[in-house]
């Protein structure tokens, strides 16, 4: 297996074959790369850039008042770059991303061999102008970070850059899907292993409209996945309404009752005419609320042509 990073292991020269090619002693080092990144919202990114600009400005003014009277090129350059970045973010579609790169080096030989591999990695990236250090005090936290489904535990070992810079220096090893939080309902395989989380309430918690679709062949577990997601939302305090036209969702009510949720099964048919009268269900809320809510809820269920006809007949009536 080829690698850009190589090292020479510590071996006993007396045990080597005299006819051995010296190039055979050069072994590859293939560290495992792991990057967590998050695109920052524009408001947070602008605030972060402005804080850096104001800090550089204060340092420049402080140096001007001191005896040195020389703020230094780094401070002046930082202030100019932050001001230019703020302008680009306001005028163009420029975003910032916070990324936390990790390189995991392992060895199955010995501790000395591991240290030799680490030194070769540090030397290689040093030649590229990239500083790589060993997380001596954070070994446990960094190891936990590498586990599937874990979280960021060492936030200070990160960078903030624009998205273009991230894309130009990053490598692509696969894709991750699912929510950041919520119940674990599956496992991701392939080049980006990990757990799959599904939280149907994540969008509403952010104030966004949410549409979730379970797609697949018959008998592959779509209904079961939907019921589990609905139960999870109910445990979080959400109001859940399931319209069961096929008649195979009754078990979710039984499960909800068993685990303490206030669940009810309402059956409709010729013998139960009027049981889902919205005016009756909203009687406790008041007549005024019912007058506004009932047409809104009915408009969801009626077909488009009937909705348009209802709007046409309602206007002349006024």
Protein backbone atom coordinates (compact mmCIF):
# COMPACT_ATOMS: atom_id res chain seq x y z
CA UNK A 1 0.00 0.00 0.00
CA UNK A 2 1.50 3.36 -1.03
CA UNK A 3 1.66 6.36 1.25
CA UNK A 4 3.13 9.85 1.12
CA UNK A 5 4.37 9.41 4.70
CA UNK A 6 7.17 6.90 5.33
CA UNK A 7 9.44 5.97 8.21
CA UNK A 8 12.30 3.61 9.00
CA UNK A 9 11.58 1.35 11.98
CA UNK A 10 14.18 0.79 14.67
CA UNK A 11 15.68 -2.63 13.90
CA UNK A 12 18.75 -4.57 15.00
CA UNK A 13 21.26 -4.27 12.16
CA UNK A 14 23.00 -7.50 13.21
CA UNK A 15 19.85 -9.46 12.40
CA UNK A 16 19.43 -8.00 8.93
CA UNK A 17 20.21 -9.96 5.77
CA UNK A 18 23.35 -8.48 4.12
CA UNK A 19 21.70 -8.74 0.73
CA UNK A 20 18.58 -6.86 1.89
CA UNK A 21 17.72 -3.82 -0.21
CA UNK A 22 17.81 -0.74 2.09
CA UNK A 23 14.67 0.57 0.40
CA UNK A 24 12.79 -2.39 1.88
CA UNK A 25 13.28 -0.88 5.35
CA UNK A 26 11.23 2.17 4.43
CA UNK A 27 7.68 1.45 5.54
CA UNK A 28 4.52 3.48 4.89
CA UNK A 29 2.54 5.27 7.60
CA UNK A 30 -1.16 5.70 6.91
CA UNK A 31 -2.77 7.75 9.69
CA UNK A 32 -6.54 7.65 9.90
CA UNK A 33 -8.05 11.07 9.28
CA UNK A 34 -11.17 12.30 11.04
CA UNK A 35 -12.76 15.75 10.70
CA UNK A 36 -15.80 17.16 12.40
CA UNK A 37 -17.02 20.40 10.86
CA UNK A 38 -20.04 22.66 11.10
CA UNK A 39 -21.01 25.51 8.83
CA UNK A 40 -21.61 28.53 11.04
CA UNK A 41 -24.84 30.54 10.66
CA UNK A 42 -24.17 33.88 8.98
CA UNK A 43 -25.12 35.88 12.05
CA UNK A 44 -22.70 33.95 14.28
CA UNK A 45 -19.98 34.09 11.62
CA UNK A 46 -20.32 37.86 11.23
CA UNK A 47 -20.17 38.33 14.99
CA UNK A 48 -17.03 36.18 15.25
CA UNK A 49 -15.28 38.07 12.43
CA UNK A 50 -16.27 41.43 13.91
CA UNK A 51 -14.92 40.42 17.32
CA UNK A 52 -11.57 39.50 15.74
CA UNK A 53 -11.49 42.82 13.87
CA UNK A 54 -12.28 44.86 16.99
CA UNK A 55 -9.66 42.95 19.00
CA UNK A 56 -7.00 43.71 16.39
CA UNK A 57 -8.13 47.34 16.34
CA UNK A 58 -7.78 47.62 20.11
CA UNK A 59 -4.31 46.05 19.96
CA UNK A 60 -3.27 48.55 17.27
CA UNK A 61 -4.51 51.50 19.33
CA UNK A 62 -2.87 50.18 22.47
CA UNK A 63 0.46 49.78 20.70
CA UNK A 64 0.17 53.30 19.28
CA UNK A 65 -0.28 54.75 22.78
CA UNK A 66 2.66 52.76 24.15
CA UNK A 67 6.28 53.69 23.82
CA UNK A 68 6.82 51.33 20.90
CA UNK A 69 4.16 53.05 18.74
CA UNK A 70 4.40 50.10 16.34
CA UNK A 71 1.40 47.74 16.30
CA UNK A 72 3.19 45.24 14.09
CA UNK A 73 2.35 43.99 10.62
CA UNK A 74 0.42 40.98 11.93
CA UNK A 75 -2.05 43.12 13.87
CA UNK A 76 -2.56 45.55 10.99
CA UNK A 77 -2.99 42.69 8.51
CA UNK A 78 -5.51 40.93 10.79
CA UNK A 79 -7.63 44.07 11.05
CA UNK A 80 -7.62 44.59 7.27
CA UNK A 81 -8.38 40.93 6.50
CA UNK A 82 -11.28 40.81 8.98
CA UNK A 83 -12.77 43.99 7.55
CA UNK A 84 -12.50 42.62 4.02
CA UNK A 85 -14.01 39.28 5.08
CA UNK A 86 -16.96 41.07 6.71
CA UNK A 87 -17.59 42.96 3.49
CA UNK A 88 -17.45 39.77 1.39
CA UNK A 89 -19.82 37.93 3.74
CA UNK A 90 -22.37 40.73 3.46
CA UNK A 91 -22.10 41.15 -0.32
CA UNK A 92 -21.43 37.59 -1.48
CA UNK A 93 -22.40 34.08 -0.52
CA UNK A 94 -19.38 33.53 1.73
CA UNK A 95 -19.75 31.31 4.80
CA UNK A 96 -17.45 30.24 7.62
CA UNK A 97 -16.96 26.70 8.84
CA UNK A 98 -15.52 25.47 12.13
CA UNK A 99 -13.60 22.23 11.62
CA UNK A 100 -11.73 19.99 14.03
CA UNK A 101 -9.21 17.75 12.17
CA UNK A 102 -7.74 14.68 13.85
CA UNK A 103 -5.01 12.27 12.74
CA UNK A 104 -5.01 8.88 14.46
CA UNK A 105 -1.71 6.98 14.30
CA UNK A 106 -1.56 3.36 15.47
CA UNK A 107 1.06 0.62 15.73
CA UNK A 108 0.83 -3.07 16.47
CA UNK A 109 4.56 -3.46 17.10
CA UNK A 110 5.68 -1.44 20.09
CA UNK A 111 5.52 1.94 21.79
CA UNK A 112 8.82 2.95 20.21
CA UNK A 113 7.46 2.05 16.80
CA UNK A 114 4.37 4.15 17.49
CA UNK A 115 6.52 7.13 18.44
CA UNK A 116 8.56 6.72 15.25
CA UNK A 117 5.38 6.73 13.19
CA UNK A 118 4.10 9.84 15.00
CA UNK A 119 7.41 11.65 14.43
CA UNK A 120 7.24 10.88 10.71
CA UNK A 121 3.70 12.27 10.49
CA UNK A 122 4.69 15.46 12.32
CA UNK A 123 7.74 15.90 10.08
CA UNK A 124 5.74 15.31 6.91
CA UNK A 125 3.08 17.92 7.68
CA UNK A 126 5.71 20.31 9.03
CA UNK A 127 7.29 20.36 5.60
CA UNK A 128 3.91 21.43 4.20
CA UNK A 129 3.60 24.28 6.69
CA UNK A 130 0.99 22.49 8.82
CA UNK A 131 1.65 22.17 12.54
CA UNK A 132 0.70 18.76 13.97
CA UNK A 133 0.96 18.08 17.69
CA UNK A 134 0.28 15.11 19.94
CA UNK A 135 -2.71 15.50 22.25
CA UNK A 136 -0.76 14.47 25.32
CA UNK A 137 -3.26 15.74 27.91
CA UNK A 138 -6.39 14.85 25.94
CA UNK A 139 -5.69 11.25 24.90
CA UNK A 140 -8.82 9.88 26.57
CA UNK A 141 -11.13 12.58 25.16
CA UNK A 142 -9.62 12.29 21.68
CA UNK A 143 -10.00 8.51 21.74
CA UNK A 144 -13.66 8.83 22.77
CA UNK A 145 -14.20 11.29 19.92
CA UNK A 146 -13.15 8.63 17.43
CA UNK A 147 -15.97 6.28 18.49
CA UNK A 148 -19.04 6.17 16.22
CA UNK A 149 -21.81 8.40 17.49
CA UNK A 150 -19.65 10.30 19.98
CA UNK A 151 -19.40 14.09 20.22
CA UNK A 152 -16.75 16.80 20.03
CA UNK A 153 -14.85 16.75 23.32
CA UNK A 154 -11.77 18.93 22.62
CA UNK A 155 -13.18 22.08 21.00
CA UNK A 156 -9.99 24.15 21.37
CA UNK A 157 -8.13 22.01 18.79
CA UNK A 158 -9.98 23.43 15.81
CA UNK A 159 -9.92 26.04 13.07
CA UNK A 160 -12.34 28.58 11.64
CA UNK A 161 -12.05 29.18 7.92
CA UNK A 162 -14.19 29.94 4.93
CA UNK A 163 -15.89 27.08 3.15
CA UNK A 164 -13.67 27.44 0.06
CA UNK A 165 -10.54 26.93 2.14
CA UNK A 166 -12.06 23.86 3.80
CA UNK A 167 -13.01 22.30 0.48
CA UNK A 168 -9.59 22.97 -0.97
CA UNK A 169 -7.74 21.28 1.88
CA UNK A 170 -10.12 18.50 2.83
CA UNK A 171 -10.47 14.92 1.65
CA UNK A 172 -13.70 13.13 0.90
CA UNK A 173 -14.30 9.72 2.36
CA UNK A 174 -18.05 9.29 2.25
CA UNK A 175 -21.19 10.91 3.62
CA UNK A 176 -23.08 10.97 6.87
CA UNK A 177 -26.83 11.24 7.17
CA UNK A 178 -29.18 11.65 10.09
CA UNK A 179 -29.73 14.12 12.91
CA UNK A 180 -27.15 15.23 15.44
CA UNK A 181 -29.37 14.16 18.34
CA UNK A 182 -32.25 11.83 18.90
CA UNK A 183 -32.80 8.08 19.05
CA UNK A 184 -30.40 5.74 17.27
CA UNK A 185 -32.39 3.74 14.73
CA UNK A 186 -29.63 2.28 12.55
CA UNK A 187 -25.95 2.07 11.69
CA UNK A 188 -24.08 3.64 8.77
CA UNK A 189 -21.73 1.36 6.86
CA UNK A 190 -19.15 2.00 4.16
CA UNK A 191 -16.38 4.60 4.14
CA UNK A 192 -18.13 6.76 6.78
CA UNK A 193 -19.26 4.35 9.51
CA UNK A 194 -21.32 5.55 12.43
CA UNK A 195 -24.80 5.55 13.93
CA UNK A 196 -27.94 6.91 12.28
CA UNK A 197 -30.17 9.12 14.40
CA UNK A 198 -33.69 10.14 13.45
CA UNK A 199 -35.42 12.96 15.33
CA UNK A 200 -38.73 13.97 13.74
CA UNK A 201 -39.03 16.89 16.17
CA UNK A 202 -35.66 18.46 15.26
CA UNK A 203 -37.13 20.75 12.61
CA UNK A 204 -39.94 22.06 14.79
CA UNK A 205 -37.46 22.69 17.62
CA UNK A 206 -35.58 25.01 15.23
CA UNK A 207 -38.78 26.69 14.12
CA UNK A 208 -38.71 25.08 10.66
CA UNK A 209 -41.49 23.30 8.83
CA UNK A 210 -40.73 19.58 8.67
CA UNK A 211 -41.77 16.90 6.19
CA UNK A 212 -40.53 13.35 6.78
CA UNK A 213 -41.01 10.54 4.27
CA UNK A 214 -40.39 6.83 4.81
CA UNK A 215 -39.76 5.32 1.38
CA UNK A 216 -39.09 1.72 0.48
CA UNK A 217 -40.47 -1.53 -0.82
CA UNK A 218 -43.36 -3.27 0.83
CA UNK A 219 -42.52 -5.14 4.01
CA UNK A 220 -39.22 -3.32 4.64
CA UNK A 221 -40.28 -1.68 7.91
CA UNK A 222 -41.63 1.73 6.88
CA UNK A 223 -44.66 1.52 9.15
CA UNK A 224 -42.62 0.23 12.08
CA UNK A 225 -40.06 3.03 11.69
CA UNK A 226 -42.86 5.60 11.53
CA UNK A 227 -44.50 4.26 14.69
CA UNK A 228 -41.20 4.24 16.58
CA UNK A 229 -40.52 7.83 15.53
CA UNK A 230 -44.02 8.82 16.59
CA UNK A 231 -43.58 7.18 19.99
CA UNK A 232 -40.29 8.98 20.49
CA UNK A 233 -41.94 12.30 19.65
CA UNK A 234 -44.72 11.51 22.12
CA UNK A 235 -42.20 10.79 24.87
CA UNK A 236 -40.76 14.26 24.21
CA UNK A 237 -44.13 15.88 24.78
CA UNK A 238 -45.26 16.27 21.17
CA UNK A 239 -48.88 15.88 20.12
CA UNK A 240 -49.09 13.00 17.62
CA UNK A 241 -52.01 12.22 15.30
CA UNK A 242 -51.91 9.16 13.04
CA UNK A 243 -54.54 8.61 10.34
CA UNK A 244 -54.71 4.85 9.87
CA UNK A 245 -56.50 4.18 6.60
CA UNK A 246 -55.15 0.62 6.31
CA UNK A 247 -55.93 -0.37 9.88
CA UNK A 248 -52.44 -1.57 10.89
CA UNK A 249 -51.40 1.13 13.37
CA UNK A 250 -53.46 0.05 16.35
CA UNK A 251 -50.42 -1.39 18.08
CA UNK A 252 -48.82 2.03 18.51
CA UNK A 253 -51.68 3.09 20.78
CA UNK A 254 -51.23 -0.05 22.90
CA UNK A 255 -47.50 0.58 23.18
CA UNK A 256 -48.03 4.23 24.08
CA UNK A 257 -50.47 3.34 26.84
CA UNK A 258 -48.14 0.68 28.22
CA UNK A 259 -45.35 3.24 28.65
CA UNK A 260 -47.57 5.88 30.24
CA UNK A 261 -48.55 8.12 27.34
CA UNK A 262 -52.03 9.57 27.14
CA UNK A 263 -53.05 7.70 23.98
CA UNK A 264 -56.49 7.10 22.49
CA UNK A 265 -57.83 5.10 19.56
CA UNK A 266 -60.74 6.69 17.68
CA UNK A 267 -62.56 4.51 15.18
CA UNK A 268 -64.77 5.97 12.45
CA UNK A 269 -67.42 4.45 10.26
CA UNK A 270 -71.17 4.48 9.64
CA UNK A 271 -71.77 3.47 13.26
CA UNK A 272 -69.61 6.32 14.59
CA UNK A 273 -70.95 9.25 12.59
CA UNK A 274 -69.86 12.57 14.10
CA UNK A 275 -67.22 11.12 16.43
CA UNK A 276 -64.53 13.28 14.78
CA UNK A 277 -66.62 16.44 14.73
CA UNK A 278 -63.96 19.13 15.03
CA UNK A 279 -66.40 21.54 16.65
CA UNK A 280 -66.99 18.99 19.39
CA UNK A 281 -63.29 18.29 19.87
CA UNK A 282 -62.57 22.02 20.18
CA UNK A 283 -65.51 22.80 22.41
CA UNK A 284 -63.29 23.33 25.44
CA UNK A 285 -61.16 25.85 23.49
CA UNK A 286 -64.09 28.14 22.76
CA UNK A 287 -66.36 28.89 19.81
CA UNK A 288 -64.14 31.63 18.38
CA UNK A 289 -61.07 29.37 18.23
CA UNK A 290 -63.13 26.55 16.71
CA UNK A 291 -64.40 28.84 13.95
CA UNK A 292 -60.83 29.53 12.86
CA UNK A 293 -59.29 26.12 13.44
CA UNK A 294 -61.97 23.93 11.84
CA UNK A 295 -61.75 25.46 8.32
CA UNK A 296 -57.96 25.40 8.52
CA UNK A 297 -57.90 21.71 9.41
CA UNK A 298 -60.54 20.79 6.85
CA UNK A 299 -58.57 22.56 4.11
CA UNK A 300 -55.77 20.05 4.63
CA UNK A 301 -57.95 17.04 3.90
CA UNK A 302 -60.22 18.30 1.10
CA UNK A 303 -59.06 18.06 -2.53
CA UNK A 304 -57.76 21.12 -4.33
CA UNK A 305 -60.75 21.50 -6.64
CA UNK A 306 -63.16 21.51 -3.70
CA UNK A 307 -60.94 23.95 -1.80
CA UNK A 308 -61.03 26.36 -4.76
CA UNK A 309 -64.78 26.01 -5.11
CA UNK A 310 -65.23 26.67 -1.41
CA UNK A 311 -63.22 29.86 -1.71
CA UNK A 312 -65.29 30.98 -4.71
CA UNK A 313 -68.61 30.41 -2.96
CA UNK A 314 -67.43 32.05 0.23
CA UNK A 315 -66.47 35.36 -1.40
CA UNK A 316 -69.87 36.11 -2.94
CA UNK A 317 -71.51 35.25 0.38
CA UNK A 318 -69.72 38.17 2.00
